[in-house]
Amino acid sequence: MSKINRQEILDILDEYDKEDITIATLGSHSSLHMFQGAKTEGFRTAAVCEKGREVPYKRFGVVDEIITVDKFSDIVNDEVQEQLKDLNSIVFPHGSFVAYAGLDNIETIFNVPMFGNRDILRWEAERDLERKLMTESGVRIPKKITDPAKIEGTVMVKFPGARGGRGYFVASSTEEYDEKIEAMKKRGWIEEEDIKEAHIEEYVLGCNYCIHYFFSGLKQDAEVLGMDSRYESTIDGLVRVPAKDQLDLNADPSYVVTGNHPVVIRESLLPQVFDIGDKITEGAKKLVPPGFNGPFCMQTLVTDNLEVVVFEMSARSDGGTNTFMNGSQYSYLYHGEPLSMGRRMALEIKNGIKEDRLDEIIT
């Protein structure tokens, strides 16, 4: 099936009442601040929710319209798409939207106007494309090991897609790699077909900083809006157990993200932070034009040599943006008031309408 022609999206957008735009997405992941930010900027909001998952959006009062579906993946059904278009919806993508709608569907059959560059979402999901983007942009990343038989030190093993850390593991030898692959299969965290897609890279020891950027297609500028670090189970639980007792637990460390907390980075590291944002946005313009458009996240480790190393990226709103729903230290420096990522996204839509340039930031 061929990709959606962008002109088709723009023709749909052209039929919208620009005075009555609705901001819509799946009711999951990082949607709360998107809805709250959209409402603050005067937009109507719509959540596509599985039955029973609408409770937070009703309780917090951030959604005007709830479209109830049997399962999240139904968002690509023709009936749901028509409901969204009838509401003059612009969809804000996030991790759950990408995972449940499916990349192939987003690229070929989901023709509701979206904020951002839908083509770049695949560059996040496929490890080789992600690595190509970061390497050709000149961003420091961990070294890749191409064959499990060549593991000679500690490595991190990951799998494609937005998994929230599920199935990731650390190994120090080929034997340990094989043992943990079998353990992950038994837990149902990976399938046989995932194994050939395993991404093995050097384990970089450092502190975790997930840096949330917003690239404005209208201003052609990459803003640093916030940072977070992750609570990951069971690895964060294990570190609370004395080392002498950890082996007795018989628990393999896992890196499933269960929550996030806001952080600030050492001020002397901010030049590296801005350099990473500038490099990756310039690289993306060349490899997958028009490049980043709106929110993206560079997940990093800072070593004791004070080097910022990027190990992963999100090409849309990342879950850690939930940590600054009322703004972060960095968004305050930019805008002089509390500003969430969702509100910054809504503000870009608002400015696009005001400047008659909405077509430049919609795909």
Protein backbone atom coordinates (compact mmCIF):
# COMPACT_ATOMS: atom_id res chain seq x y z
CA MET A 1 0.00 0.00 0.00
CA SER A 2 1.37 3.43 -0.94
CA LYS A 3 2.03 6.22 1.53
CA ILE A 4 -0.55 8.93 2.06
CA ASN A 5 0.05 11.87 -0.25
CA ARG A 6 0.69 14.95 1.88
CA GLN A 7 -1.50 17.00 -0.43
CA GLU A 8 -4.41 14.76 0.59
CA ILE A 9 -3.87 15.79 4.21
CA LEU A 10 -3.59 19.46 3.29
CA ASP A 11 -6.83 19.25 1.28
CA ILE A 12 -8.59 17.88 4.37
CA LEU A 13 -7.02 20.60 6.50
CA ASP A 14 -8.19 23.22 4.00
CA GLU A 15 -11.80 22.15 4.64
CA TYR A 16 -11.46 22.66 8.39
CA ASP A 17 -13.00 25.58 10.26
CA LYS A 18 -9.81 27.14 11.62
CA GLU A 19 -11.84 28.99 14.27
CA ASP A 20 -13.03 25.67 15.72
CA ILE A 21 -9.98 23.35 15.77
CA THR A 22 -9.98 20.34 18.11
CA ILE A 23 -6.75 18.88 19.52
CA ALA A 24 -7.09 15.09 19.65
CA THR A 25 -5.05 12.02 20.56
CA LEU A 26 -5.34 8.63 22.26
CA GLY A 27 -6.20 8.87 25.96
CA SER A 28 -2.89 7.41 27.13
CA HIS A 29 0.86 8.01 27.54
CA SER A 30 1.40 11.80 27.73
CA SER A 31 -2.01 13.07 26.69
CA LEU A 32 -3.03 14.82 29.92
CA HIS A 33 -0.72 17.79 29.42
CA MET A 34 -1.60 17.89 25.71
CA PHE A 35 -5.29 18.26 26.53
CA GLN A 36 -4.68 20.71 29.38
CA GLY A 37 -2.31 22.80 27.25
CA ALA A 38 -4.73 22.82 24.33
CA LYS A 39 -7.59 23.98 26.54
CA THR A 40 -5.41 26.71 28.05
CA GLU A 41 -4.79 28.01 24.53
CA GLY A 42 -8.52 27.97 23.76
CA PHE A 43 -8.89 24.76 21.73
CA ARG A 44 -11.51 22.03 22.10
CA THR A 45 -10.11 18.61 22.99
CA ALA A 46 -11.01 15.02 22.07
CA ALA A 47 -9.70 11.75 23.50
CA VAL A 48 -9.97 8.40 21.76
CA CYS A 49 -10.28 5.94 24.69
CA GLU A 50 -10.79 2.27 25.29
CA LYS A 51 -13.86 1.74 27.42
CA GLY A 52 -12.85 2.11 31.06
CA ARG A 53 -9.73 4.16 30.27
CA GLU A 54 -11.57 7.51 30.11
CA VAL A 55 -11.67 8.01 33.90
CA PRO A 56 -8.61 10.33 34.29
CA TYR A 57 -9.75 12.64 31.49
CA LYS A 58 -13.21 13.00 32.99
CA ARG A 59 -11.92 13.39 36.55
CA PHE A 60 -9.35 16.01 35.59
CA GLY A 61 -11.81 17.77 33.27
CA VAL A 62 -9.38 18.18 30.38
CA VAL A 63 -11.42 16.59 27.57
CA ASP A 64 -14.49 17.99 25.81
CA GLU A 65 -15.24 14.95 23.65
CA ILE A 66 -14.55 11.26 24.33
CA ILE A 67 -14.65 8.83 21.42
CA THR A 68 -15.00 5.37 22.97
CA VAL A 69 -13.49 2.39 21.12
CA ASP A 70 -13.16 -1.32 21.87
CA LYS A 71 -9.39 -1.13 21.56
CA PHE A 72 -6.93 1.72 21.00
CA SER A 73 -5.93 0.40 17.57
CA ASP A 74 -9.44 1.26 16.36
CA ILE A 75 -8.30 4.86 15.99
CA VAL A 76 -7.35 4.02 12.39
CA ASN A 77 -10.84 2.71 11.56
CA ASP A 78 -12.69 4.77 8.97
CA GLU A 79 -15.56 5.53 11.36
CA VAL A 80 -13.24 6.93 14.05
CA GLN A 81 -11.24 8.91 11.51
CA GLU A 82 -14.44 10.49 10.18
CA GLN A 83 -15.48 11.46 13.72
CA LEU A 84 -12.11 13.11 14.24
CA LYS A 85 -12.30 14.99 10.95
CA ASP A 86 -15.86 16.12 11.71
CA LEU A 87 -14.43 17.74 14.84
CA ASN A 88 -11.74 19.57 12.79
CA SER A 89 -9.17 17.52 14.68
CA ILE A 90 -5.42 17.88 14.59
CA VAL A 91 -3.83 14.80 16.19
CA PHE A 92 -0.90 15.15 18.57
CA PRO A 93 1.20 11.95 18.31
CA HIS A 94 2.74 10.25 21.35
CA GLY A 95 4.20 6.83 22.13
CA SER A 96 0.90 5.00 22.67
CA PHE A 97 -0.58 6.49 19.51
CA VAL A 98 2.38 5.24 17.47
CA ALA A 99 2.33 1.80 19.12
CA TYR A 100 -1.42 1.16 18.85
CA ALA A 101 -2.19 2.86 15.54
CA GLY A 102 0.87 1.19 13.99
CA LEU A 103 3.49 2.84 11.83
CA ASP A 104 2.30 1.23 8.61
CA ASN A 105 -1.23 2.49 9.24
CA ILE A 106 -0.05 5.99 10.17
CA GLU A 107 1.87 6.16 6.90
CA THR A 108 -0.77 4.65 4.60
CA ILE A 109 -4.37 4.90 5.88
CA PHE A 110 -4.55 7.38 8.77
CA ASN A 111 -5.41 10.59 6.94
CA VAL A 112 -6.44 12.79 9.87
CA PRO A 113 -4.14 15.86 9.92
CA MET A 114 -1.30 15.40 12.43
CA PHE A 115 1.04 17.88 14.07
CA GLY A 116 4.63 17.11 13.19
CA ASN A 117 6.42 15.01 10.60
CA ARG A 118 4.79 11.57 10.38
CA ASP A 119 7.70 10.29 8.25
CA ILE A 120 10.20 10.70 11.09
CA LEU A 121 8.31 8.32 13.39
CA ARG A 122 9.81 5.31 11.59
CA TRP A 123 13.31 6.69 12.20
CA GLU A 124 12.67 6.33 15.92
CA ALA A 125 11.20 2.82 15.72
CA GLU A 126 13.84 1.18 13.52
CA ARG A 127 17.18 1.02 15.31
CA ASP A 128 19.31 1.16 12.15
CA LEU A 129 17.53 4.32 10.97
CA GLU A 130 17.76 5.85 14.43
CA ARG A 131 21.49 5.12 14.53
CA LYS A 132 21.98 6.48 11.00
CA LEU A 133 20.27 9.74 11.95
CA MET A 134 22.32 10.22 15.10
CA THR A 135 25.62 9.13 13.50
CA GLU A 136 25.24 11.33 10.43
CA SER A 137 24.19 14.24 12.65
CA GLY A 138 27.45 13.94 14.59
CA VAL A 139 25.85 12.99 17.90
CA ARG A 140 27.90 10.82 20.30
CA ILE A 141 26.20 7.44 20.74
CA PRO A 142 27.26 4.06 22.21
CA LYS A 143 29.26 1.74 19.98
CA LYS A 144 27.24 -1.00 18.28
CA ILE A 145 28.06 -4.73 18.49
CA THR A 146 26.90 -6.46 15.31
CA ASP A 147 27.06 -10.08 16.49
CA PRO A 148 26.24 -11.59 19.92
CA ALA A 149 29.29 -13.86 19.47
CA LYS A 150 31.47 -10.73 19.61
CA ILE A 151 30.33 -9.55 23.05
CA GLU A 152 33.52 -8.90 25.03
CA GLY A 153 32.29 -6.56 27.73
CA THR A 154 29.10 -5.24 29.27
CA VAL A 155 26.41 -4.46 26.70
CA MET A 156 22.83 -3.21 26.66
CA VAL A 157 20.38 -5.19 24.50
CA LYS A 158 17.24 -3.47 23.12
CA PHE A 159 14.46 -4.25 20.70
CA PRO A 160 12.58 -2.10 18.13
CA GLY A 161 9.51 0.01 18.80
CA ALA A 162 8.05 2.00 21.67
CA ARG A 163 8.32 -0.63 24.43
CA GLY A 164 8.90 1.54 27.49
CA GLY A 165 12.03 -0.49 28.28
CA ARG A 166 10.24 -3.87 28.27
CA GLY A 167 12.60 -6.65 27.25
CA TYR A 168 15.78 -4.60 27.56
CA PHE A 169 18.61 -6.29 29.42
CA VAL A 170 22.32 -6.11 30.25
CA ALA A 171 24.77 -8.91 29.41
CA SER A 172 28.52 -9.36 29.73
CA SER A 173 29.10 -12.42 27.56
CA THR A 174 27.57 -14.37 24.68
CA GLU A 175 26.45 -17.06 27.12
CA GLU A 176 24.67 -14.57 29.35
CA TYR A 177 23.07 -12.99 26.27
CA ASP A 178 21.65 -16.37 25.19
CA GLU A 179 20.38 -17.14 28.70
CA LYS A 180 18.58 -13.80 29.00
CA ILE A 181 17.06 -14.06 25.54
CA GLU A 182 15.48 -17.36 26.62
CA ALA A 183 14.31 -15.83 29.90
CA MET A 184 12.66 -12.89 28.08
CA LYS A 185 10.93 -15.29 25.68
CA LYS A 186 9.54 -17.30 28.61
CA ARG A 187 8.14 -14.13 30.17
CA GLY A 188 6.45 -13.27 26.88
CA TRP A 189 8.36 -9.98 26.62
CA ILE A 190 9.89 -10.81 23.25
CA GLU A 191 8.93 -13.12 20.40
CA GLU A 192 11.14 -15.31 18.23
CA GLU A 193 10.98 -12.77 15.40
CA ASP A 194 12.23 -10.02 17.73
CA ILE A 195 15.56 -11.77 18.28
CA LYS A 196 16.95 -11.04 14.82
CA GLU A 197 16.12 -7.35 15.45
CA ALA A 198 18.04 -7.22 18.75
CA HIS A 199 20.18 -4.10 19.01
CA ILE A 200 23.38 -4.62 21.02
CA GLU A 201 25.48 -1.67 22.12
CA GLU A 202 28.20 -0.84 24.62
CA TYR A 203 26.91 -0.20 28.12
CA VAL A 204 27.70 3.41 29.02
CA LEU A 205 27.87 3.97 32.76
CA GLY A 206 26.33 7.29 33.75
CA CYS A 207 23.35 9.24 35.07
CA ASN A 208 20.15 9.27 33.03
CA TYR A 209 18.83 12.55 31.62
CA CYS A 210 15.98 12.50 29.12
CA ILE A 211 16.08 15.88 27.40
CA HIS A 212 12.81 17.18 25.95
CA TYR A 213 13.16 19.50 23.00
CA PHE A 214 10.61 21.38 20.96
CA PHE A 215 11.54 22.26 17.39
CA SER A 216 9.46 25.10 16.02
CA GLY A 217 8.89 24.76 12.31
CA LEU A 218 7.63 28.34 12.33
CA LYS A 219 10.70 29.81 14.05
CA GLN A 220 13.23 27.16 12.93
CA ASP A 221 14.56 26.88 16.47
CA ALA A 222 15.15 23.99 18.88
CA GLU A 223 14.03 24.82 22.44
CA VAL A 224 14.96 22.83 25.55
CA LEU A 225 11.67 22.57 27.43
CA GLY A 226 12.37 20.10 30.23
CA MET A 227 14.25 17.04 31.49
CA ASP A 228 13.35 13.92 33.39
CA SER A 229 14.82 10.67 34.64
CA ARG A 230 13.05 7.31 34.84
CA TYR A 231 11.86 4.93 37.52
CA GLU A 232 12.53 1.49 36.03
CA SER A 233 11.45 -1.85 37.46
CA THR A 234 13.05 -4.02 38.67
CA ILE A 235 16.44 -2.33 38.38
CA ASP A 236 15.45 0.52 40.72
CA GLY A 237 14.05 -1.99 43.20
CA LEU A 238 17.24 -4.06 43.16
CA VAL A 239 19.47 -1.13 44.05
CA ARG A 240 17.55 -0.76 47.32
CA VAL A 241 18.61 -4.28 48.32
CA PRO A 242 22.08 -4.77 49.86
CA ALA A 243 24.54 -6.18 47.31
CA LYS A 244 25.12 -9.34 49.38
CA ASP A 245 21.38 -10.16 49.18
CA GLN A 246 20.70 -9.31 45.53
CA LEU A 247 21.67 -12.72 44.14
CA ASP A 248 19.34 -14.46 46.61
CA LEU A 249 16.35 -12.70 45.06
CA ASN A 250 16.78 -14.64 41.81
CA ALA A 251 15.33 -11.63 39.95
CA ASP A 252 16.62 -10.57 36.55
CA PRO A 253 16.97 -6.79 36.30
CA SER A 254 14.45 -5.23 33.95
CA TYR A 255 14.08 -1.71 32.62
CA VAL A 256 10.31 -1.31 32.28
CA VAL A 257 9.52 2.37 32.82
CA THR A 258 6.96 2.78 35.62
CA GLY A 259 7.26 6.51 36.22
CA ASN A 260 9.29 9.66 35.71
CA HIS A 261 10.69 12.42 37.85
CA PRO A 262 11.85 15.92 36.84
CA VAL A 263 15.54 16.77 36.93
CA VAL A 264 17.86 19.62 36.05
CA ILE A 265 21.28 19.06 34.54
CA ARG A 266 24.52 20.65 35.69
CA GLU A 267 24.54 24.12 34.12
CA SER A 268 28.00 23.65 32.60
CA LEU A 269 26.57 20.75 30.54
CA LEU A 270 23.93 22.88 28.84
CA PRO A 271 26.22 23.78 25.90
CA GLN A 272 26.37 20.06 25.07
CA VAL A 273 22.60 19.81 25.47
CA PHE A 274 21.99 22.62 22.97
CA ASP A 275 24.65 21.25 20.62
CA ILE A 276 22.91 17.86 20.53
CA GLY A 277 19.56 19.51 19.76
CA ASP A 278 21.03 21.65 16.98
CA LYS A 279 22.94 18.77 15.40
CA ILE A 280 20.06 16.30 15.37
CA THR A 281 17.56 18.81 13.98
CA GLU A 282 19.93 19.83 11.17
CA GLY A 283 20.67 16.18 10.38
CA ALA A 284 16.96 15.31 10.31
CA LYS A 285 16.22 18.09 7.80
CA LYS A 286 18.59 16.41 5.34
CA LEU A 287 17.67 12.76 5.96
CA VAL A 288 13.90 12.95 6.50
CA PRO A 289 12.66 16.42 5.47
CA PRO A 290 11.32 18.63 6.87
CA GLY A 291 12.95 16.99 9.91
CA PHE A 292 11.71 17.27 13.48
CA ASN A 293 8.58 19.32 13.90
CA GLY A 294 7.33 19.80 17.44
CA PRO A 295 8.39 17.70 20.45
CA PHE A 296 11.18 15.14 20.52
CA CYS A 297 13.37 13.64 23.22
CA MET A 298 17.04 12.64 23.36
CA GLN A 299 17.62 10.02 26.07
CA THR A 300 21.12 10.46 27.41
CA LEU A 301 23.67 9.29 29.95
CA VAL A 302 26.20 11.65 31.50
CA THR A 303 29.50 9.98 32.34
CA ASP A 304 31.94 10.91 35.11
CA ASN A 305 33.97 12.62 32.38
CA LEU A 306 30.95 14.92 31.98
CA GLU A 307 30.27 13.69 28.47
CA VAL A 308 26.63 13.59 27.35
CA VAL A 309 26.04 10.36 25.40
CA VAL A 310 22.75 9.80 23.54
CA PHE A 311 21.47 6.21 23.67
CA GLU A 312 17.94 6.60 22.29
CA MET A 313 15.51 9.13 20.88
CA SER A 314 11.77 9.72 20.71
CA ALA A 315 10.58 11.52 17.59
CA ARG A 316 7.35 12.74 19.26
CA SER A 317 6.16 13.69 22.73
CA ASP A 318 7.92 11.41 25.22
CA GLY A 319 6.31 10.09 28.42
CA GLY A 320 8.65 12.18 30.55
CA THR A 321 6.90 15.36 29.42
CA ASN A 322 4.31 14.50 32.09
CA THR A 323 6.83 15.74 34.68
CA PHE A 324 6.38 19.38 33.72
CA MET A 325 2.64 19.79 33.22
CA ASN A 326 2.92 23.13 35.02
CA GLY A 327 6.18 24.02 33.30
CA SER A 328 9.84 23.34 34.00
CA GLN A 329 12.78 25.51 34.92
CA TYR A 330 13.76 25.54 31.25
CA SER A 331 10.37 26.34 29.73
CA TYR A 332 10.05 29.16 32.27
CA LEU A 333 13.36 30.61 31.09
CA TYR A 334 12.09 30.60 27.50
CA HIS A 335 8.58 31.89 28.02
CA GLY A 336 8.51 33.63 31.40
CA GLU A 337 5.54 31.57 32.63
CA PRO A 338 4.73 27.92 33.39
CA LEU A 339 4.50 26.08 30.09
CA SER A 340 3.94 22.36 29.50
CA MET A 341 4.97 20.58 26.32
CA GLY A 342 1.29 20.24 25.45
CA ARG A 343 0.71 23.95 25.78
CA ARG A 344 3.81 24.66 23.66
CA MET A 345 2.40 22.35 20.98
CA ALA A 346 -0.97 24.10 21.11
CA LEU A 347 0.75 27.48 20.95
CA GLU A 348 2.52 26.43 17.74
CA ILE A 349 -0.84 25.45 16.21
CA LYS A 350 -2.32 28.75 17.36
CA ASN A 351 0.55 30.72 15.80
CA GLY A 352 0.30 28.66 12.61
CA ILE A 353 -3.36 29.65 12.29
CA LYS A 354 -2.65 33.28 13.14
CA GLU A 355 0.18 33.53 10.60
CA ASP A 356 -1.72 31.50 7.97
CA ARG A 357 1.12 28.93 8.00
CA LEU A 358 -0.66 25.94 9.52
CA ASP A 359 0.08 23.85 6.43
CA GLU A 360 3.82 24.13 7.17
CA ILE A 361 3.55 22.20 10.44
CA ILE A 362 0.87 19.60 9.59
CA THR A 363 1.36 16.23 7.85
